[in-house]
Amino acid sequence: VLFPGTPGVGKTTLGKELAARAGLSYVNVGDLAKEGELYEGFDEEYDCPILDEDRVIDELEDRMSEGGVIVDYHGCDFFPERWFHIVFVLRTENSCLYDRLESRGYTGKKLQDNIQCEIFQTLYEEAVLSYKKEIVHQLPSNTPEDLERNLDQILQWIEQWMKDNN
């Protein structure tokens, strides 16, 4: 299961809770990169490290081949298509997202670019271009009720997938 989306849309909250409820393992690619120092430089403009995508793939390959993994990262176009049976792109209303990002200390260009990324559905489009369209789904992620609905829907999907493939 892949959760791409703009920072602040709730990928980590949903991913961790889903892993706990479904008995799957959870990988936050940002945390993985930090722990393994999987970077190829630093972006001064956005004040953040630049991910070394090839090293991330190498790091995850064995784990992904075992299956049962939830992956959380804002981008998705560098992950192998074979890794995922379904992709859920979380979407958040701009006013809600603005508040979440501002509370994380995002300002200026970094804040504006992330809001624009959400407005223009950039990460949804990236997912549709990277994976078969029929496995890419958008889910609203504005409220605690959305979170519960999303968890229920994804758990049902996992249950059905397990029946169909085991």
C-alpha atoms as a PDB file:
ATOM      1  CA  VAL A   1       0.000   0.000   0.000  1.00  0.00           C
ATOM      2  CA  LEU A   2       1.404   3.405  -0.958  1.00  0.00           C
ATOM      3  CA  PHE A   3       0.383   6.739   0.575  1.00  0.00           C
ATOM      4  CA  PRO A   4       1.762   9.625  -1.469  1.00  0.00           C
ATOM      5  CA  GLY A   5       0.590  13.191  -0.898  1.00  0.00           C
ATOM      6  CA  THR A   6       1.532  16.738  -0.043  1.00  0.00           C
ATOM      7  CA  PRO A   7       3.189  17.167   3.374  1.00  0.00           C
ATOM      8  CA  GLY A   8       0.537  17.673   6.052  1.00  0.00           C
ATOM      9  CA  VAL A   9      -2.308  15.673   4.469  1.00  0.00           C
ATOM     10  CA  GLY A  10      -2.212  12.923   7.109  1.00  0.00           C
ATOM     11  CA  LYS A  11      -0.156  10.152   5.476  1.00  0.00           C
ATOM     12  CA  THR A  12       1.775   9.304   8.640  1.00  0.00           C
ATOM     13  CA  THR A  13      -1.263   9.319  10.930  1.00  0.00           C
ATOM     14  CA  LEU A  14      -3.210   7.079   8.546  1.00  0.00           C
ATOM     15  CA  GLY A  15      -0.241   4.831   7.738  1.00  0.00           C
ATOM     16  CA  LYS A  16       0.700   4.132  11.354  1.00  0.00           C
ATOM     17  CA  GLU A  17      -2.897   3.492  12.410  1.00  0.00           C
ATOM     18  CA  LEU A  18      -3.553   1.247   9.410  1.00  0.00           C
ATOM     19  CA  ALA A  19      -0.384  -0.765  10.100  1.00  0.00           C
ATOM     20  CA  ALA A  20      -1.463  -1.252  13.718  1.00  0.00           C
ATOM     21  CA  ARG A  21      -5.001  -2.337  12.790  1.00  0.00           C
ATOM     22  CA  ALA A  22      -4.062  -4.520   9.797  1.00  0.00           C
ATOM     23  CA  GLY A  23      -0.899  -6.093  11.205  1.00  0.00           C
ATOM     24  CA  LEU A  24       1.217  -4.691   8.368  1.00  0.00           C
ATOM     25  CA  SER A  25       4.615  -3.022   8.602  1.00  0.00           C
ATOM     26  CA  TYR A  26       4.905   0.721   8.116  1.00  0.00           C
ATOM     27  CA  VAL A  27       7.727   2.671   6.452  1.00  0.00           C
ATOM     28  CA  ASN A  28       7.987   6.442   6.555  1.00  0.00           C
ATOM     29  CA  VAL A  29      10.518   7.088   3.773  1.00  0.00           C
ATOM     30  CA  GLY A  30      11.531  10.430   5.296  1.00  0.00           C
ATOM     31  CA  ASP A  31      12.436   8.718   8.588  1.00  0.00           C
ATOM     32  CA  LEU A  32      14.185   5.864   6.748  1.00  0.00           C
ATOM     33  CA  ALA A  33      16.276   8.390   4.803  1.00  0.00           C
ATOM     34  CA  LYS A  34      17.146  10.293   7.965  1.00  0.00           C
ATOM     35  CA  GLU A  35      18.206   7.126   9.841  1.00  0.00           C
ATOM     36  CA  GLY A  36      20.296   5.818   6.940  1.00  0.00           C
ATOM     37  CA  GLU A  37      21.466   9.253   5.750  1.00  0.00           C
ATOM     38  CA  LEU A  38      20.103   8.408   2.283  1.00  0.00           C
ATOM     39  CA  TYR A  39      20.701  11.880   0.870  1.00  0.00           C
ATOM     40  CA  GLU A  40      22.571  13.317  -2.088  1.00  0.00           C
ATOM     41  CA  GLY A  41      22.776  16.922  -0.935  1.00  0.00           C
ATOM     42  CA  PHE A  42      20.835  19.768   0.633  1.00  0.00           C
ATOM     43  CA  ASP A  43      18.260  22.101  -0.934  1.00  0.00           C
ATOM     44  CA  GLU A  44      18.963  25.579   0.443  1.00  0.00           C
ATOM     45  CA  GLU A  45      15.805  27.075  -1.076  1.00  0.00           C
ATOM     46  CA  TYR A  46      13.489  24.601   0.702  1.00  0.00           C
ATOM     47  CA  ASP A  47      15.782  24.090   3.698  1.00  0.00           C
ATOM     48  CA  CYS A  48      15.707  20.297   3.431  1.00  0.00           C
ATOM     49  CA  PRO A  49      17.919  17.381   2.393  1.00  0.00           C
ATOM     50  CA  ILE A  50      17.655  15.929  -1.131  1.00  0.00           C
ATOM     51  CA  LEU A  51      16.630  12.262  -1.128  1.00  0.00           C
ATOM     52  CA  ASP A  52      18.909   9.751  -2.848  1.00  0.00           C
ATOM     53  CA  GLU A  53      16.105   7.782  -4.509  1.00  0.00           C
ATOM     54  CA  ASP A  54      18.346   4.940  -5.729  1.00  0.00           C
ATOM     55  CA  ARG A  55      19.667   4.295  -2.225  1.00  0.00           C
ATOM     56  CA  VAL A  56      16.112   4.367  -0.824  1.00  0.00           C
ATOM     57  CA  ILE A  57      15.068   1.715  -3.391  1.00  0.00           C
ATOM     58  CA  ASP A  58      18.100  -0.428  -2.507  1.00  0.00           C
ATOM     59  CA  GLU A  59      17.317  -0.061   1.194  1.00  0.00           C
ATOM     60  CA  LEU A  60      13.661  -1.117   0.780  1.00  0.00           C
ATOM     61  CA  GLU A  61      13.931  -3.814  -1.912  1.00  0.00           C
ATOM     62  CA  ASP A  62      14.122  -6.895   0.344  1.00  0.00           C
ATOM     63  CA  ARG A  63      11.453  -5.655   2.706  1.00  0.00           C
ATOM     64  CA  MET A  64       9.077  -4.811  -0.158  1.00  0.00           C
ATOM     65  CA  SER A  65       9.528  -8.227  -1.787  1.00  0.00           C
ATOM     66  CA  GLU A  66       8.186  -9.827   1.415  1.00  0.00           C
ATOM     67  CA  GLY A  67       4.931  -7.846   1.063  1.00  0.00           C
ATOM     68  CA  GLY A  68       2.611  -6.443   3.705  1.00  0.00           C
ATOM     69  CA  VAL A  69       4.245  -3.003   3.758  1.00  0.00           C
ATOM     70  CA  ILE A  70       2.656   0.440   3.937  1.00  0.00           C
ATOM     71  CA  VAL A  71       4.899   3.129   2.413  1.00  0.00           C
ATOM     72  CA  ASP A  72       4.452   6.828   3.241  1.00  0.00           C
ATOM     73  CA  TYR A  73       6.220   9.506   1.203  1.00  0.00           C
ATOM     74  CA  HIS A  74       5.133  12.675  -0.584  1.00  0.00           C
ATOM     75  CA  GLY A  75       6.458  11.637  -3.997  1.00  0.00           C
ATOM     76  CA  CYS A  76       6.007   8.305  -5.720  1.00  0.00           C
ATOM     77  CA  ASP A  77       7.382   8.341  -9.264  1.00  0.00           C
ATOM     78  CA  PHE A  78      10.664   6.621  -8.327  1.00  0.00           C
ATOM     79  CA  PHE A  79       9.182   3.565  -6.592  1.00  0.00           C
ATOM     80  CA  PRO A  80       8.955   0.404  -8.738  1.00  0.00           C
ATOM     81  CA  GLU A  81       5.419  -0.245  -9.950  1.00  0.00           C
ATOM     82  CA  ARG A  82       5.683  -3.905  -8.866  1.00  0.00           C
ATOM     83  CA  TRP A  83       5.858  -2.854  -5.211  1.00  0.00           C
ATOM     84  CA  PHE A  84       2.242  -1.697  -4.870  1.00  0.00           C
ATOM     85  CA  HIS A  85      -1.168  -3.255  -5.349  1.00  0.00           C
ATOM     86  CA  ILE A  86      -2.943  -0.029  -4.441  1.00  0.00           C
ATOM     87  CA  VAL A  87      -2.128   3.664  -4.062  1.00  0.00           C
ATOM     88  CA  PHE A  88      -4.155   6.058  -1.899  1.00  0.00           C
ATOM     89  CA  VAL A  89      -3.396   9.748  -2.460  1.00  0.00           C
ATOM     90  CA  LEU A  90      -4.623  11.782   0.504  1.00  0.00           C
ATOM     91  CA  ARG A  91      -6.140  15.178  -0.274  1.00  0.00           C
ATOM     92  CA  THR A  92      -6.750  18.045   2.143  1.00  0.00           C
ATOM     93  CA  GLU A  93      -8.644  21.325   1.716  1.00  0.00           C
ATOM     94  CA  ASN A  94      -6.268  24.261   1.379  1.00  0.00           C
ATOM     95  CA  SER A  95      -7.298  26.183   4.500  1.00  0.00           C
ATOM     96  CA  CYS A  96      -6.875  23.060   6.614  1.00  0.00           C
ATOM     97  CA  LEU A  97      -3.552  22.177   4.961  1.00  0.00           C
ATOM     98  CA  TYR A  98      -2.262  25.749   5.356  1.00  0.00           C
ATOM     99  CA  ASP A  99      -2.880  25.597   9.117  1.00  0.00           C
ATOM    100  CA  ARG A 100      -1.218  22.175   9.428  1.00  0.00           C
ATOM    101  CA  LEU A 101       1.896  23.262   7.498  1.00  0.00           C
ATOM    102  CA  GLU A 102       2.135  26.593   9.290  1.00  0.00           C
ATOM    103  CA  SER A 103       2.009  24.760  12.635  1.00  0.00           C
ATOM    104  CA  ARG A 104       5.000  22.692  11.413  1.00  0.00           C
ATOM    105  CA  GLY A 105       6.961  25.888  10.800  1.00  0.00           C
ATOM    106  CA  TYR A 106       6.567  26.029   7.010  1.00  0.00           C
ATOM    107  CA  THR A 107       6.837  29.605   5.738  1.00  0.00           C
ATOM    108  CA  GLY A 108       7.330  31.567   2.529  1.00  0.00           C
ATOM    109  CA  LYS A 109       8.065  29.696  -0.681  1.00  0.00           C
ATOM    110  CA  LYS A 110       8.027  26.263   0.995  1.00  0.00           C
ATOM    111  CA  LEU A 111       4.534  26.879   2.394  1.00  0.00           C
ATOM    112  CA  GLN A 112       3.168  28.394  -0.833  1.00  0.00           C
ATOM    113  CA  ASP A 113       4.636  25.688  -3.090  1.00  0.00           C
ATOM    114  CA  ASN A 114       3.144  22.901  -0.965  1.00  0.00           C
ATOM    115  CA  ILE A 115      -0.278  24.568  -1.033  1.00  0.00           C
ATOM    116  CA  GLN A 116      -0.011  24.961  -4.830  1.00  0.00           C
ATOM    117  CA  CYS A 117       1.067  21.328  -5.104  1.00  0.00           C
ATOM    118  CA  GLU A 118      -2.223  20.374  -3.426  1.00  0.00           C
ATOM    119  CA  ILE A 119      -4.323  22.819  -5.466  1.00  0.00           C
ATOM    120  CA  PHE A 120      -2.961  21.487  -8.760  1.00  0.00           C
ATOM    121  CA  GLN A 121      -3.226  17.829  -7.669  1.00  0.00           C
ATOM    122  CA  THR A 122       0.464  17.423  -8.495  1.00  0.00           C
ATOM    123  CA  LEU A 123       1.011  14.258  -6.467  1.00  0.00           C
ATOM    124  CA  TYR A 124      -2.235  12.655  -7.635  1.00  0.00           C
ATOM    125  CA  GLU A 125      -1.175  13.286 -11.241  1.00  0.00           C
ATOM    126  CA  GLU A 126       2.276  11.839 -10.482  1.00  0.00           C
ATOM    127  CA  ALA A 127       0.636   8.704  -9.048  1.00  0.00           C
ATOM    128  CA  VAL A 128      -1.668   8.281 -12.062  1.00  0.00           C
ATOM    129  CA  LEU A 129       1.332   8.597 -14.393  1.00  0.00           C
ATOM    130  CA  SER A 130       3.451   6.179 -12.308  1.00  0.00           C
ATOM    131  CA  TYR A 131       0.959   3.351 -11.688  1.00  0.00           C
ATOM    132  CA  LYS A 132      -2.022   1.749 -13.396  1.00  0.00           C
ATOM    133  CA  LYS A 133      -4.863   4.247 -13.126  1.00  0.00           C
ATOM    134  CA  GLU A 134      -7.241   1.653 -11.655  1.00  0.00           C
ATOM    135  CA  ILE A 135      -5.080   1.178  -8.542  1.00  0.00           C
ATOM    136  CA  VAL A 136      -4.770   4.924  -7.762  1.00  0.00           C
ATOM    137  CA  HIS A 137      -7.455   6.405  -5.507  1.00  0.00           C
ATOM    138  CA  GLN A 138      -7.942   9.804  -3.843  1.00  0.00           C
ATOM    139  CA  LEU A 139      -9.184  10.032  -0.266  1.00  0.00           C
ATOM    140  CA  PRO A 140     -10.278  13.167   1.613  1.00  0.00           C
ATOM    141  CA  SER A 141      -8.209  13.835   4.721  1.00  0.00           C
ATOM    142  CA  ASN A 142      -9.606  16.860   6.541  1.00  0.00           C
ATOM    143  CA  THR A 143     -11.248  15.583   9.728  1.00  0.00           C
ATOM    144  CA  PRO A 144     -11.001  12.753  12.275  1.00  0.00           C
ATOM    145  CA  GLU A 145     -14.164  11.345  10.639  1.00  0.00           C
ATOM    146  CA  ASP A 146     -12.331  11.217   7.285  1.00  0.00           C
ATOM    147  CA  LEU A 147      -9.521   9.316   8.995  1.00  0.00           C
ATOM    148  CA  GLU A 148     -11.916   6.697  10.381  1.00  0.00           C
ATOM    149  CA  ARG A 149     -13.744   6.366   7.053  1.00  0.00           C
ATOM    150  CA  ASN A 150     -10.453   5.965   5.218  1.00  0.00           C
ATOM    151  CA  LEU A 151      -9.235   3.344   7.681  1.00  0.00           C
ATOM    152  CA  ASP A 152     -12.472   1.367   7.299  1.00  0.00           C
ATOM    153  CA  GLN A 153     -12.353   1.571   3.502  1.00  0.00           C
ATOM    154  CA  ILE A 154      -8.697   0.520   3.253  1.00  0.00           C
ATOM    155  CA  LEU A 155      -9.118  -2.298   5.779  1.00  0.00           C
ATOM    156  CA  GLN A 156     -12.024  -3.634   3.677  1.00  0.00           C
ATOM    157  CA  TRP A 157      -9.846  -3.426   0.572  1.00  0.00           C
ATOM    158  CA  ILE A 158      -7.007  -5.314   2.306  1.00  0.00           C
ATOM    159  CA  GLU A 159      -9.405  -7.992   3.520  1.00  0.00           C
ATOM    160  CA  GLN A 160     -10.799  -8.466   0.006  1.00  0.00           C
ATOM    161  CA  TRP A 161      -7.325  -8.499  -1.528  1.00  0.00           C
ATOM    162  CA  MET A 162      -6.245 -11.200   0.940  1.00  0.00           C
ATOM    163  CA  LYS A 163      -9.289 -13.344   0.020  1.00  0.00           C
ATOM    164  CA  ASP A 164      -8.663 -12.896  -3.695  1.00  0.00           C
ATOM    165  CA  ASN A 165      -4.912 -13.557  -3.572  1.00  0.00           C
ATOM    166  CA  ASN A 166      -4.386 -16.259  -0.931  1.00  0.00           C
END
